[in-house]
Amino acid sequence: QVQLQESGPGLVKPSQTLSLSCTVSNGSITTNFYYWNWIRQSPGKGLEWIGSVDSRGTVYYNPSLRSRTTISRDTSKNQFTLQLNSVTLEDTSVYYCARDPHGDPWERIWGQGTQVTVSS
């Protein structure tokens, strides 16, 4: 029943910051035991986990992206956000937000995804 919806610009210029928000409905991002994730998919790399924030607000990052990534949340809006700095063409992907319990992919609930293209 919980629903996730990504939003943000679909086009970002190289070297700029990609910013996305995930709005959660019929569920709270503070609900115990769940992790709130950002995941992207591209033809070249497939699925790639970017990072997550748990119900307490602790943030986890993919080490390969952590230097450019900031995940935060706004509990008053029941949203969590993604910022990816210094984007390149390789960051062009479909970006998803998703919820899962302790990383179990079989229990993962996905947003519909949003295409983000890095281009001049």
N, C-alpha and C. Protein backbone atom coordinates (compact mmCIF):
# COMPACT_ATOMS: atom_id res chain seq x y z
N GLN A 1 0.81 -1.20 0.00
CA GLN A 1 0.00 0.00 0.00
C GLN A 1 0.86 1.27 0.00
N VAL A 2 2.03 1.18 0.57
CA VAL A 2 2.91 2.33 0.55
C VAL A 2 3.29 2.66 -0.90
N GLN A 3 3.36 3.93 -1.20
CA GLN A 3 3.70 4.39 -2.53
C GLN A 3 4.83 5.39 -2.45
N LEU A 4 5.70 5.31 -3.44
CA LEU A 4 6.83 6.22 -3.54
C LEU A 4 6.80 6.89 -4.90
N GLN A 5 7.11 8.16 -4.91
CA GLN A 5 7.07 8.92 -6.14
C GLN A 5 8.30 9.81 -6.24
N GLU A 6 9.08 9.60 -7.28
CA GLU A 6 10.25 10.43 -7.52
C GLU A 6 9.83 11.71 -8.23
N SER A 7 10.57 12.75 -7.97
CA SER A 7 10.33 14.00 -8.67
C SER A 7 11.62 14.80 -8.74
N GLY A 8 11.71 15.61 -9.76
CA GLY A 8 12.87 16.44 -9.96
C GLY A 8 13.12 16.66 -11.44
N PRO A 9 14.05 17.51 -11.75
CA PRO A 9 14.35 17.81 -13.15
C PRO A 9 14.83 16.58 -13.90
N GLY A 10 14.40 16.47 -15.13
CA GLY A 10 14.82 15.36 -15.96
C GLY A 10 16.07 15.62 -16.76
N LEU A 11 16.54 16.84 -16.74
CA LEU A 11 17.73 17.22 -17.49
C LEU A 11 18.66 18.01 -16.59
N VAL A 12 19.90 17.58 -16.54
CA VAL A 12 20.92 18.24 -15.73
C VAL A 12 22.15 18.45 -16.59
N LYS A 13 22.75 19.59 -16.45
CA LYS A 13 23.96 19.88 -17.21
C LYS A 13 25.19 19.27 -16.55
N PRO A 14 26.17 18.89 -17.35
CA PRO A 14 27.40 18.35 -16.77
C PRO A 14 28.02 19.31 -15.78
N SER A 15 28.58 18.73 -14.74
CA SER A 15 29.23 19.42 -13.62
C SER A 15 28.25 19.99 -12.60
N GLN A 16 26.98 19.99 -12.91
CA GLN A 16 26.00 20.50 -11.97
C GLN A 16 25.51 19.41 -11.04
N THR A 17 24.55 19.74 -10.22
CA THR A 17 24.05 18.82 -9.20
C THR A 17 22.69 18.26 -9.60
N LEU A 18 22.60 16.97 -9.53
CA LEU A 18 21.34 16.28 -9.72
C LEU A 18 20.59 16.25 -8.40
N SER A 19 19.37 16.71 -8.40
CA SER A 19 18.57 16.75 -7.18
C SER A 19 17.22 16.11 -7.43
N LEU A 20 16.90 15.14 -6.60
CA LEU A 20 15.63 14.44 -6.70
C LEU A 20 15.00 14.32 -5.32
N SER A 21 13.69 14.22 -5.32
CA SER A 21 12.95 13.99 -4.09
C SER A 21 12.08 12.76 -4.25
N CYS A 22 11.88 12.08 -3.17
CA CYS A 22 10.97 10.94 -3.13
C CYS A 22 9.90 11.22 -2.09
N THR A 23 8.68 11.27 -2.54
CA THR A 23 7.55 11.49 -1.65
C THR A 23 6.89 10.16 -1.33
N VAL A 24 6.71 9.91 -0.07
CA VAL A 24 6.16 8.64 0.40
C VAL A 24 4.73 8.85 0.85
N SER A 25 3.85 8.00 0.36
CA SER A 25 2.44 8.04 0.72
C SER A 25 2.05 6.73 1.39
N ASN A 26 1.10 6.80 2.29
CA ASN A 26 0.61 5.62 3.00
C ASN A 26 1.70 4.88 3.75
N GLY A 27 2.61 5.62 4.26
CA GLY A 27 3.70 5.08 5.03
C GLY A 27 4.61 6.20 5.48
N SER A 28 5.26 5.99 6.58
CA SER A 28 6.13 7.01 7.16
C SER A 28 7.59 6.62 7.01
N ILE A 29 8.41 7.57 6.65
CA ILE A 29 9.83 7.30 6.53
C ILE A 29 10.49 7.10 7.89
N THR A 30 9.75 7.33 8.94
CA THR A 30 10.27 7.06 10.28
C THR A 30 9.82 5.71 10.81
N THR A 31 9.09 4.95 10.02
CA THR A 31 8.66 3.63 10.45
C THR A 31 9.86 2.72 10.71
N ASN A 32 9.84 2.09 11.84
CA ASN A 32 10.95 1.25 12.24
C ASN A 32 11.21 0.11 11.26
N PHE A 33 12.48 -0.21 11.09
CA PHE A 33 12.95 -1.39 10.37
C PHE A 33 13.13 -1.16 8.87
N TYR A 34 12.61 -0.09 8.32
CA TYR A 34 12.72 0.12 6.89
C TYR A 34 13.88 1.02 6.52
N TYR A 35 14.41 0.74 5.34
CA TYR A 35 15.42 1.57 4.73
C TYR A 35 14.84 2.22 3.49
N TRP A 36 15.21 3.44 3.27
CA TRP A 36 14.70 4.22 2.15
C TRP A 36 15.86 4.51 1.22
N ASN A 37 15.76 3.97 0.02
CA ASN A 37 16.90 3.86 -0.87
C ASN A 37 16.77 4.72 -2.12
N TRP A 38 17.92 5.07 -2.64
CA TRP A 38 18.03 5.58 -3.99
C TRP A 38 18.82 4.56 -4.81
N ILE A 39 18.25 4.18 -5.93
CA ILE A 39 18.84 3.20 -6.81
C ILE A 39 18.69 3.71 -8.23
N ARG A 40 19.68 3.48 -9.05
CA ARG A 40 19.58 3.91 -10.43
C ARG A 40 19.86 2.75 -11.37
N GLN A 41 19.38 2.91 -12.58
CA GLN A 41 19.55 1.88 -13.60
C GLN A 41 19.90 2.54 -14.92
N SER A 42 20.94 2.03 -15.52
CA SER A 42 21.37 2.50 -16.83
C SER A 42 21.77 1.31 -17.67
N PRO A 43 21.73 1.47 -18.99
CA PRO A 43 22.15 0.35 -19.85
C PRO A 43 23.58 -0.10 -19.61
N GLY A 44 24.44 0.82 -19.28
CA GLY A 44 25.84 0.47 -19.11
C GLY A 44 26.17 -0.20 -17.80
N LYS A 45 25.47 0.16 -16.73
CA LYS A 45 25.83 -0.34 -15.41
C LYS A 45 24.75 -1.18 -14.76
N GLY A 46 23.59 -1.23 -15.34
CA GLY A 46 22.51 -1.96 -14.72
C GLY A 46 22.02 -1.25 -13.46
N LEU A 47 21.57 -2.05 -12.52
CA LEU A 47 21.11 -1.49 -11.26
C LEU A 47 22.29 -1.16 -10.36
N GLU A 48 22.25 0.01 -9.79
CA GLU A 48 23.30 0.46 -8.89
C GLU A 48 22.67 1.13 -7.69
N TRP A 49 22.98 0.61 -6.52
CA TRP A 49 22.51 1.22 -5.29
C TRP A 49 23.34 2.46 -4.99
N ILE A 50 22.66 3.54 -4.74
CA ILE A 50 23.33 4.81 -4.48
C ILE A 50 23.52 5.03 -2.99
N GLY A 51 22.46 4.82 -2.24
CA GLY A 51 22.52 5.01 -0.81
C GLY A 51 21.14 4.92 -0.21
N SER A 52 21.08 5.10 1.09
CA SER A 52 19.80 4.98 1.78
C SER A 52 19.84 5.75 3.09
N VAL A 53 18.67 5.95 3.61
CA VAL A 53 18.52 6.52 4.94
C VAL A 53 17.54 5.63 5.70
N ASP A 54 17.85 5.34 6.94
CA ASP A 54 16.97 4.48 7.70
C ASP A 54 15.97 5.29 8.51
N SER A 55 15.18 4.59 9.29
CA SER A 55 14.10 5.24 10.01
C SER A 55 14.58 6.22 11.06
N ARG A 56 15.81 6.07 11.49
CA ARG A 56 16.37 6.98 12.48
C ARG A 56 17.09 8.17 11.86
N GLY A 57 17.25 8.12 10.54
CA GLY A 57 17.95 9.19 9.87
C GLY A 57 19.40 8.90 9.56
N THR A 58 19.87 7.72 9.88
CA THR A 58 21.23 7.34 9.55
C THR A 58 21.35 7.10 8.05
N VAL A 59 22.38 7.63 7.46
CA VAL A 59 22.56 7.57 6.02
C VAL A 59 23.69 6.61 5.67
N TYR A 60 23.49 5.88 4.60
CA TYR A 60 24.47 4.93 4.10
C TYR A 60 24.71 5.21 2.63
N TYR A 61 25.95 5.09 2.21
CA TYR A 61 26.31 5.42 0.84
C TYR A 61 27.07 4.29 0.18
N ASN A 62 26.85 4.15 -1.11
CA ASN A 62 27.71 3.32 -1.93
C ASN A 62 29.09 3.97 -1.94
N PRO A 63 30.12 3.24 -1.54
CA PRO A 63 31.45 3.85 -1.48
C PRO A 63 31.91 4.45 -2.79
N SER A 64 31.47 3.89 -3.90
CA SER A 64 31.91 4.39 -5.19
C SER A 64 31.30 5.74 -5.54
N LEU A 65 30.26 6.13 -4.83
CA LEU A 65 29.57 7.37 -5.11
C LEU A 65 29.53 8.34 -3.94
N ARG A 66 29.99 7.92 -2.79
CA ARG A 66 29.79 8.69 -1.59
C ARG A 66 30.39 10.08 -1.64
N SER A 67 31.48 10.24 -2.36
CA SER A 67 32.12 11.54 -2.41
C SER A 67 31.28 12.59 -3.12
N ARG A 68 30.32 12.13 -3.92
CA ARG A 68 29.48 13.04 -4.67
C ARG A 68 28.02 13.03 -4.22
N THR A 69 27.70 12.22 -3.24
CA THR A 69 26.31 11.95 -2.91
C THR A 69 25.92 12.50 -1.55
N THR A 70 24.75 13.06 -1.50
CA THR A 70 24.15 13.47 -0.24
C THR A 70 22.69 13.02 -0.22
N ILE A 71 22.36 12.24 0.77
CA ILE A 71 20.98 11.82 0.99
C ILE A 71 20.49 12.44 2.29
N SER A 72 19.33 13.00 2.23
CA SER A 72 18.75 13.61 3.41
C SER A 72 17.25 13.33 3.44
N ARG A 73 16.63 13.75 4.52
CA ARG A 73 15.20 13.52 4.62
C ARG A 73 14.52 14.71 5.29
N ASP A 74 13.25 14.81 5.02
CA ASP A 74 12.41 15.82 5.64
C ASP A 74 11.19 15.09 6.19
N THR A 75 11.20 14.82 7.45
CA THR A 75 10.13 14.03 8.04
C THR A 75 8.80 14.77 8.03
N SER A 76 8.84 16.08 8.08
CA SER A 76 7.60 16.85 8.05
C SER A 76 6.88 16.72 6.72
N LYS A 77 7.63 16.49 5.66
CA LYS A 77 7.06 16.29 4.34
C LYS A 77 6.99 14.82 3.94
N ASN A 78 7.50 13.96 4.79
CA ASN A 78 7.58 12.54 4.49
C ASN A 78 8.31 12.30 3.17
N GLN A 79 9.43 12.97 3.03
CA GLN A 79 10.23 12.89 1.83
C GLN A 79 11.68 12.60 2.18
N PHE A 80 12.35 11.98 1.25
CA PHE A 80 13.80 11.92 1.32
C PHE A 80 14.37 12.28 -0.04
N THR A 81 15.58 12.79 -0.02
CA THR A 81 16.12 13.44 -1.20
C THR A 81 17.47 12.87 -1.58
N LEU A 82 17.82 13.13 -2.82
CA LEU A 82 19.11 12.73 -3.35
C LEU A 82 19.75 13.94 -4.01
N GLN A 83 21.01 14.15 -3.70
CA GLN A 83 21.83 15.10 -4.42
C GLN A 83 23.09 14.40 -4.90
N LEU A 84 23.34 14.51 -6.16
CA LEU A 84 24.53 13.93 -6.76
C LEU A 84 25.28 15.05 -7.45
N ASN A 85 26.43 15.34 -6.93
CA ASN A 85 27.21 16.48 -7.41
C ASN A 85 28.08 16.12 -8.60
N SER A 86 28.50 17.15 -9.30
CA SER A 86 29.49 17.01 -10.37
C SER A 86 29.13 15.91 -11.35
N VAL A 87 27.93 15.95 -11.84
CA VAL A 87 27.46 14.88 -12.71
C VAL A 87 28.17 14.90 -14.05
N THR A 88 28.25 13.73 -14.62
CA THR A 88 28.78 13.54 -15.96
C THR A 88 27.76 12.79 -16.79
N LEU A 89 28.09 12.58 -18.04
CA LEU A 89 27.19 11.85 -18.91
C LEU A 89 26.92 10.44 -18.40
N GLU A 90 27.87 9.89 -17.66
CA GLU A 90 27.71 8.54 -17.13
C GLU A 90 26.65 8.46 -16.04
N ASP A 91 26.24 9.58 -15.52
CA ASP A 91 25.20 9.60 -14.51
C ASP A 91 23.80 9.57 -15.10
N THR A 92 23.70 9.60 -16.41
CA THR A 92 22.41 9.47 -17.05
C THR A 92 21.81 8.11 -16.73
N SER A 93 20.66 8.11 -16.10
CA SER A 93 20.04 6.87 -15.64
C SER A 93 18.58 7.12 -15.33
N VAL A 94 17.88 6.03 -15.13
CA VAL A 94 16.59 6.10 -14.48
C VAL A 94 16.85 5.98 -12.98
N TYR A 95 16.34 6.92 -12.24
CA TYR A 95 16.56 6.96 -10.81
C TYR A 95 15.29 6.54 -10.08
N TYR A 96 15.47 5.63 -9.15
CA TYR A 96 14.37 5.10 -8.37
C TYR A 96 14.57 5.39 -6.89
N CYS A 97 13.49 5.62 -6.21
CA CYS A 97 13.50 5.49 -4.77
C CYS A 97 12.75 4.22 -4.41
N ALA A 98 13.13 3.62 -3.30
CA ALA A 98 12.59 2.33 -2.93
C ALA A 98 12.68 2.12 -1.44
N ARG A 99 11.77 1.33 -0.93
CA ARG A 99 11.76 0.96 0.48
C ARG A 99 11.98 -0.53 0.62
N ASP A 100 12.80 -0.93 1.56
CA ASP A 100 12.95 -2.33 1.86
C ASP A 100 13.29 -2.52 3.33
N PRO A 101 13.01 -3.72 3.85
CA PRO A 101 13.38 -4.01 5.23
C PRO A 101 14.78 -4.62 5.28
N HIS A 102 15.71 -3.88 5.84
CA HIS A 102 17.06 -4.37 6.04
C HIS A 102 17.68 -4.90 4.76
N GLY A 103 17.37 -4.28 3.65
CA GLY A 103 18.01 -4.61 2.40
C GLY A 103 17.48 -5.83 1.68
N ASP A 104 16.40 -6.40 2.11
CA ASP A 104 15.83 -7.58 1.47
C ASP A 104 15.18 -7.18 0.14
N PRO A 105 15.75 -7.58 -1.00
CA PRO A 105 15.18 -7.14 -2.28
C PRO A 105 13.81 -7.72 -2.57
N TRP A 106 13.48 -8.86 -2.00
CA TRP A 106 12.18 -9.45 -2.24
C TRP A 106 11.05 -8.70 -1.54
N GLU A 107 11.40 -7.86 -0.62
CA GLU A 107 10.42 -7.04 0.07
C GLU A 107 10.50 -5.57 -0.35
N ARG A 108 11.18 -5.33 -1.42
CA ARG A 108 11.41 -3.96 -1.85
C ARG A 108 10.21 -3.41 -2.61
N ILE A 109 9.83 -2.22 -2.28
CA ILE A 109 8.78 -1.50 -2.98
C ILE A 109 9.41 -0.31 -3.68
N TRP A 110 9.12 -0.20 -4.95
CA TRP A 110 9.76 0.78 -5.81
C TRP A 110 8.84 1.92 -6.19
N GLY A 111 9.42 3.08 -6.38
CA GLY A 111 8.75 4.10 -7.13
C GLY A 111 8.78 3.76 -8.60
N GLN A 112 8.12 4.55 -9.40
CA GLN A 112 8.07 4.27 -10.83
C GLN A 112 9.34 4.65 -11.55
N GLY A 113 10.16 5.43 -10.93
CA GLY A 113 11.41 5.85 -11.52
C GLY A 113 11.25 7.13 -12.31
N THR A 114 12.33 7.84 -12.42
CA THR A 114 12.35 9.05 -13.22
C THR A 114 13.64 9.10 -14.03
N GLN A 115 13.50 9.41 -15.29
CA GLN A 115 14.65 9.51 -16.17
C GLN A 115 15.37 10.82 -15.92
N VAL A 116 16.66 10.73 -15.71
CA VAL A 116 17.49 11.92 -15.59
C VAL A 116 18.59 11.82 -16.64
N THR A 117 18.65 12.81 -17.47
CA THR A 117 19.64 12.86 -18.53
C THR A 117 20.62 13.99 -18.26
N VAL A 118 21.89 13.65 -18.33
CA VAL A 118 22.94 14.65 -18.19
C VAL A 118 23.39 15.04 -19.59
N SER A 119 23.19 16.28 -19.91
CA SER A 119 23.50 16.74 -21.26
C SER A 119 23.66 18.25 -21.26
N SER A 120 24.49 18.70 -22.19
CA SER A 120 24.65 20.13 -22.39
C SER A 120 23.54 20.72 -23.25
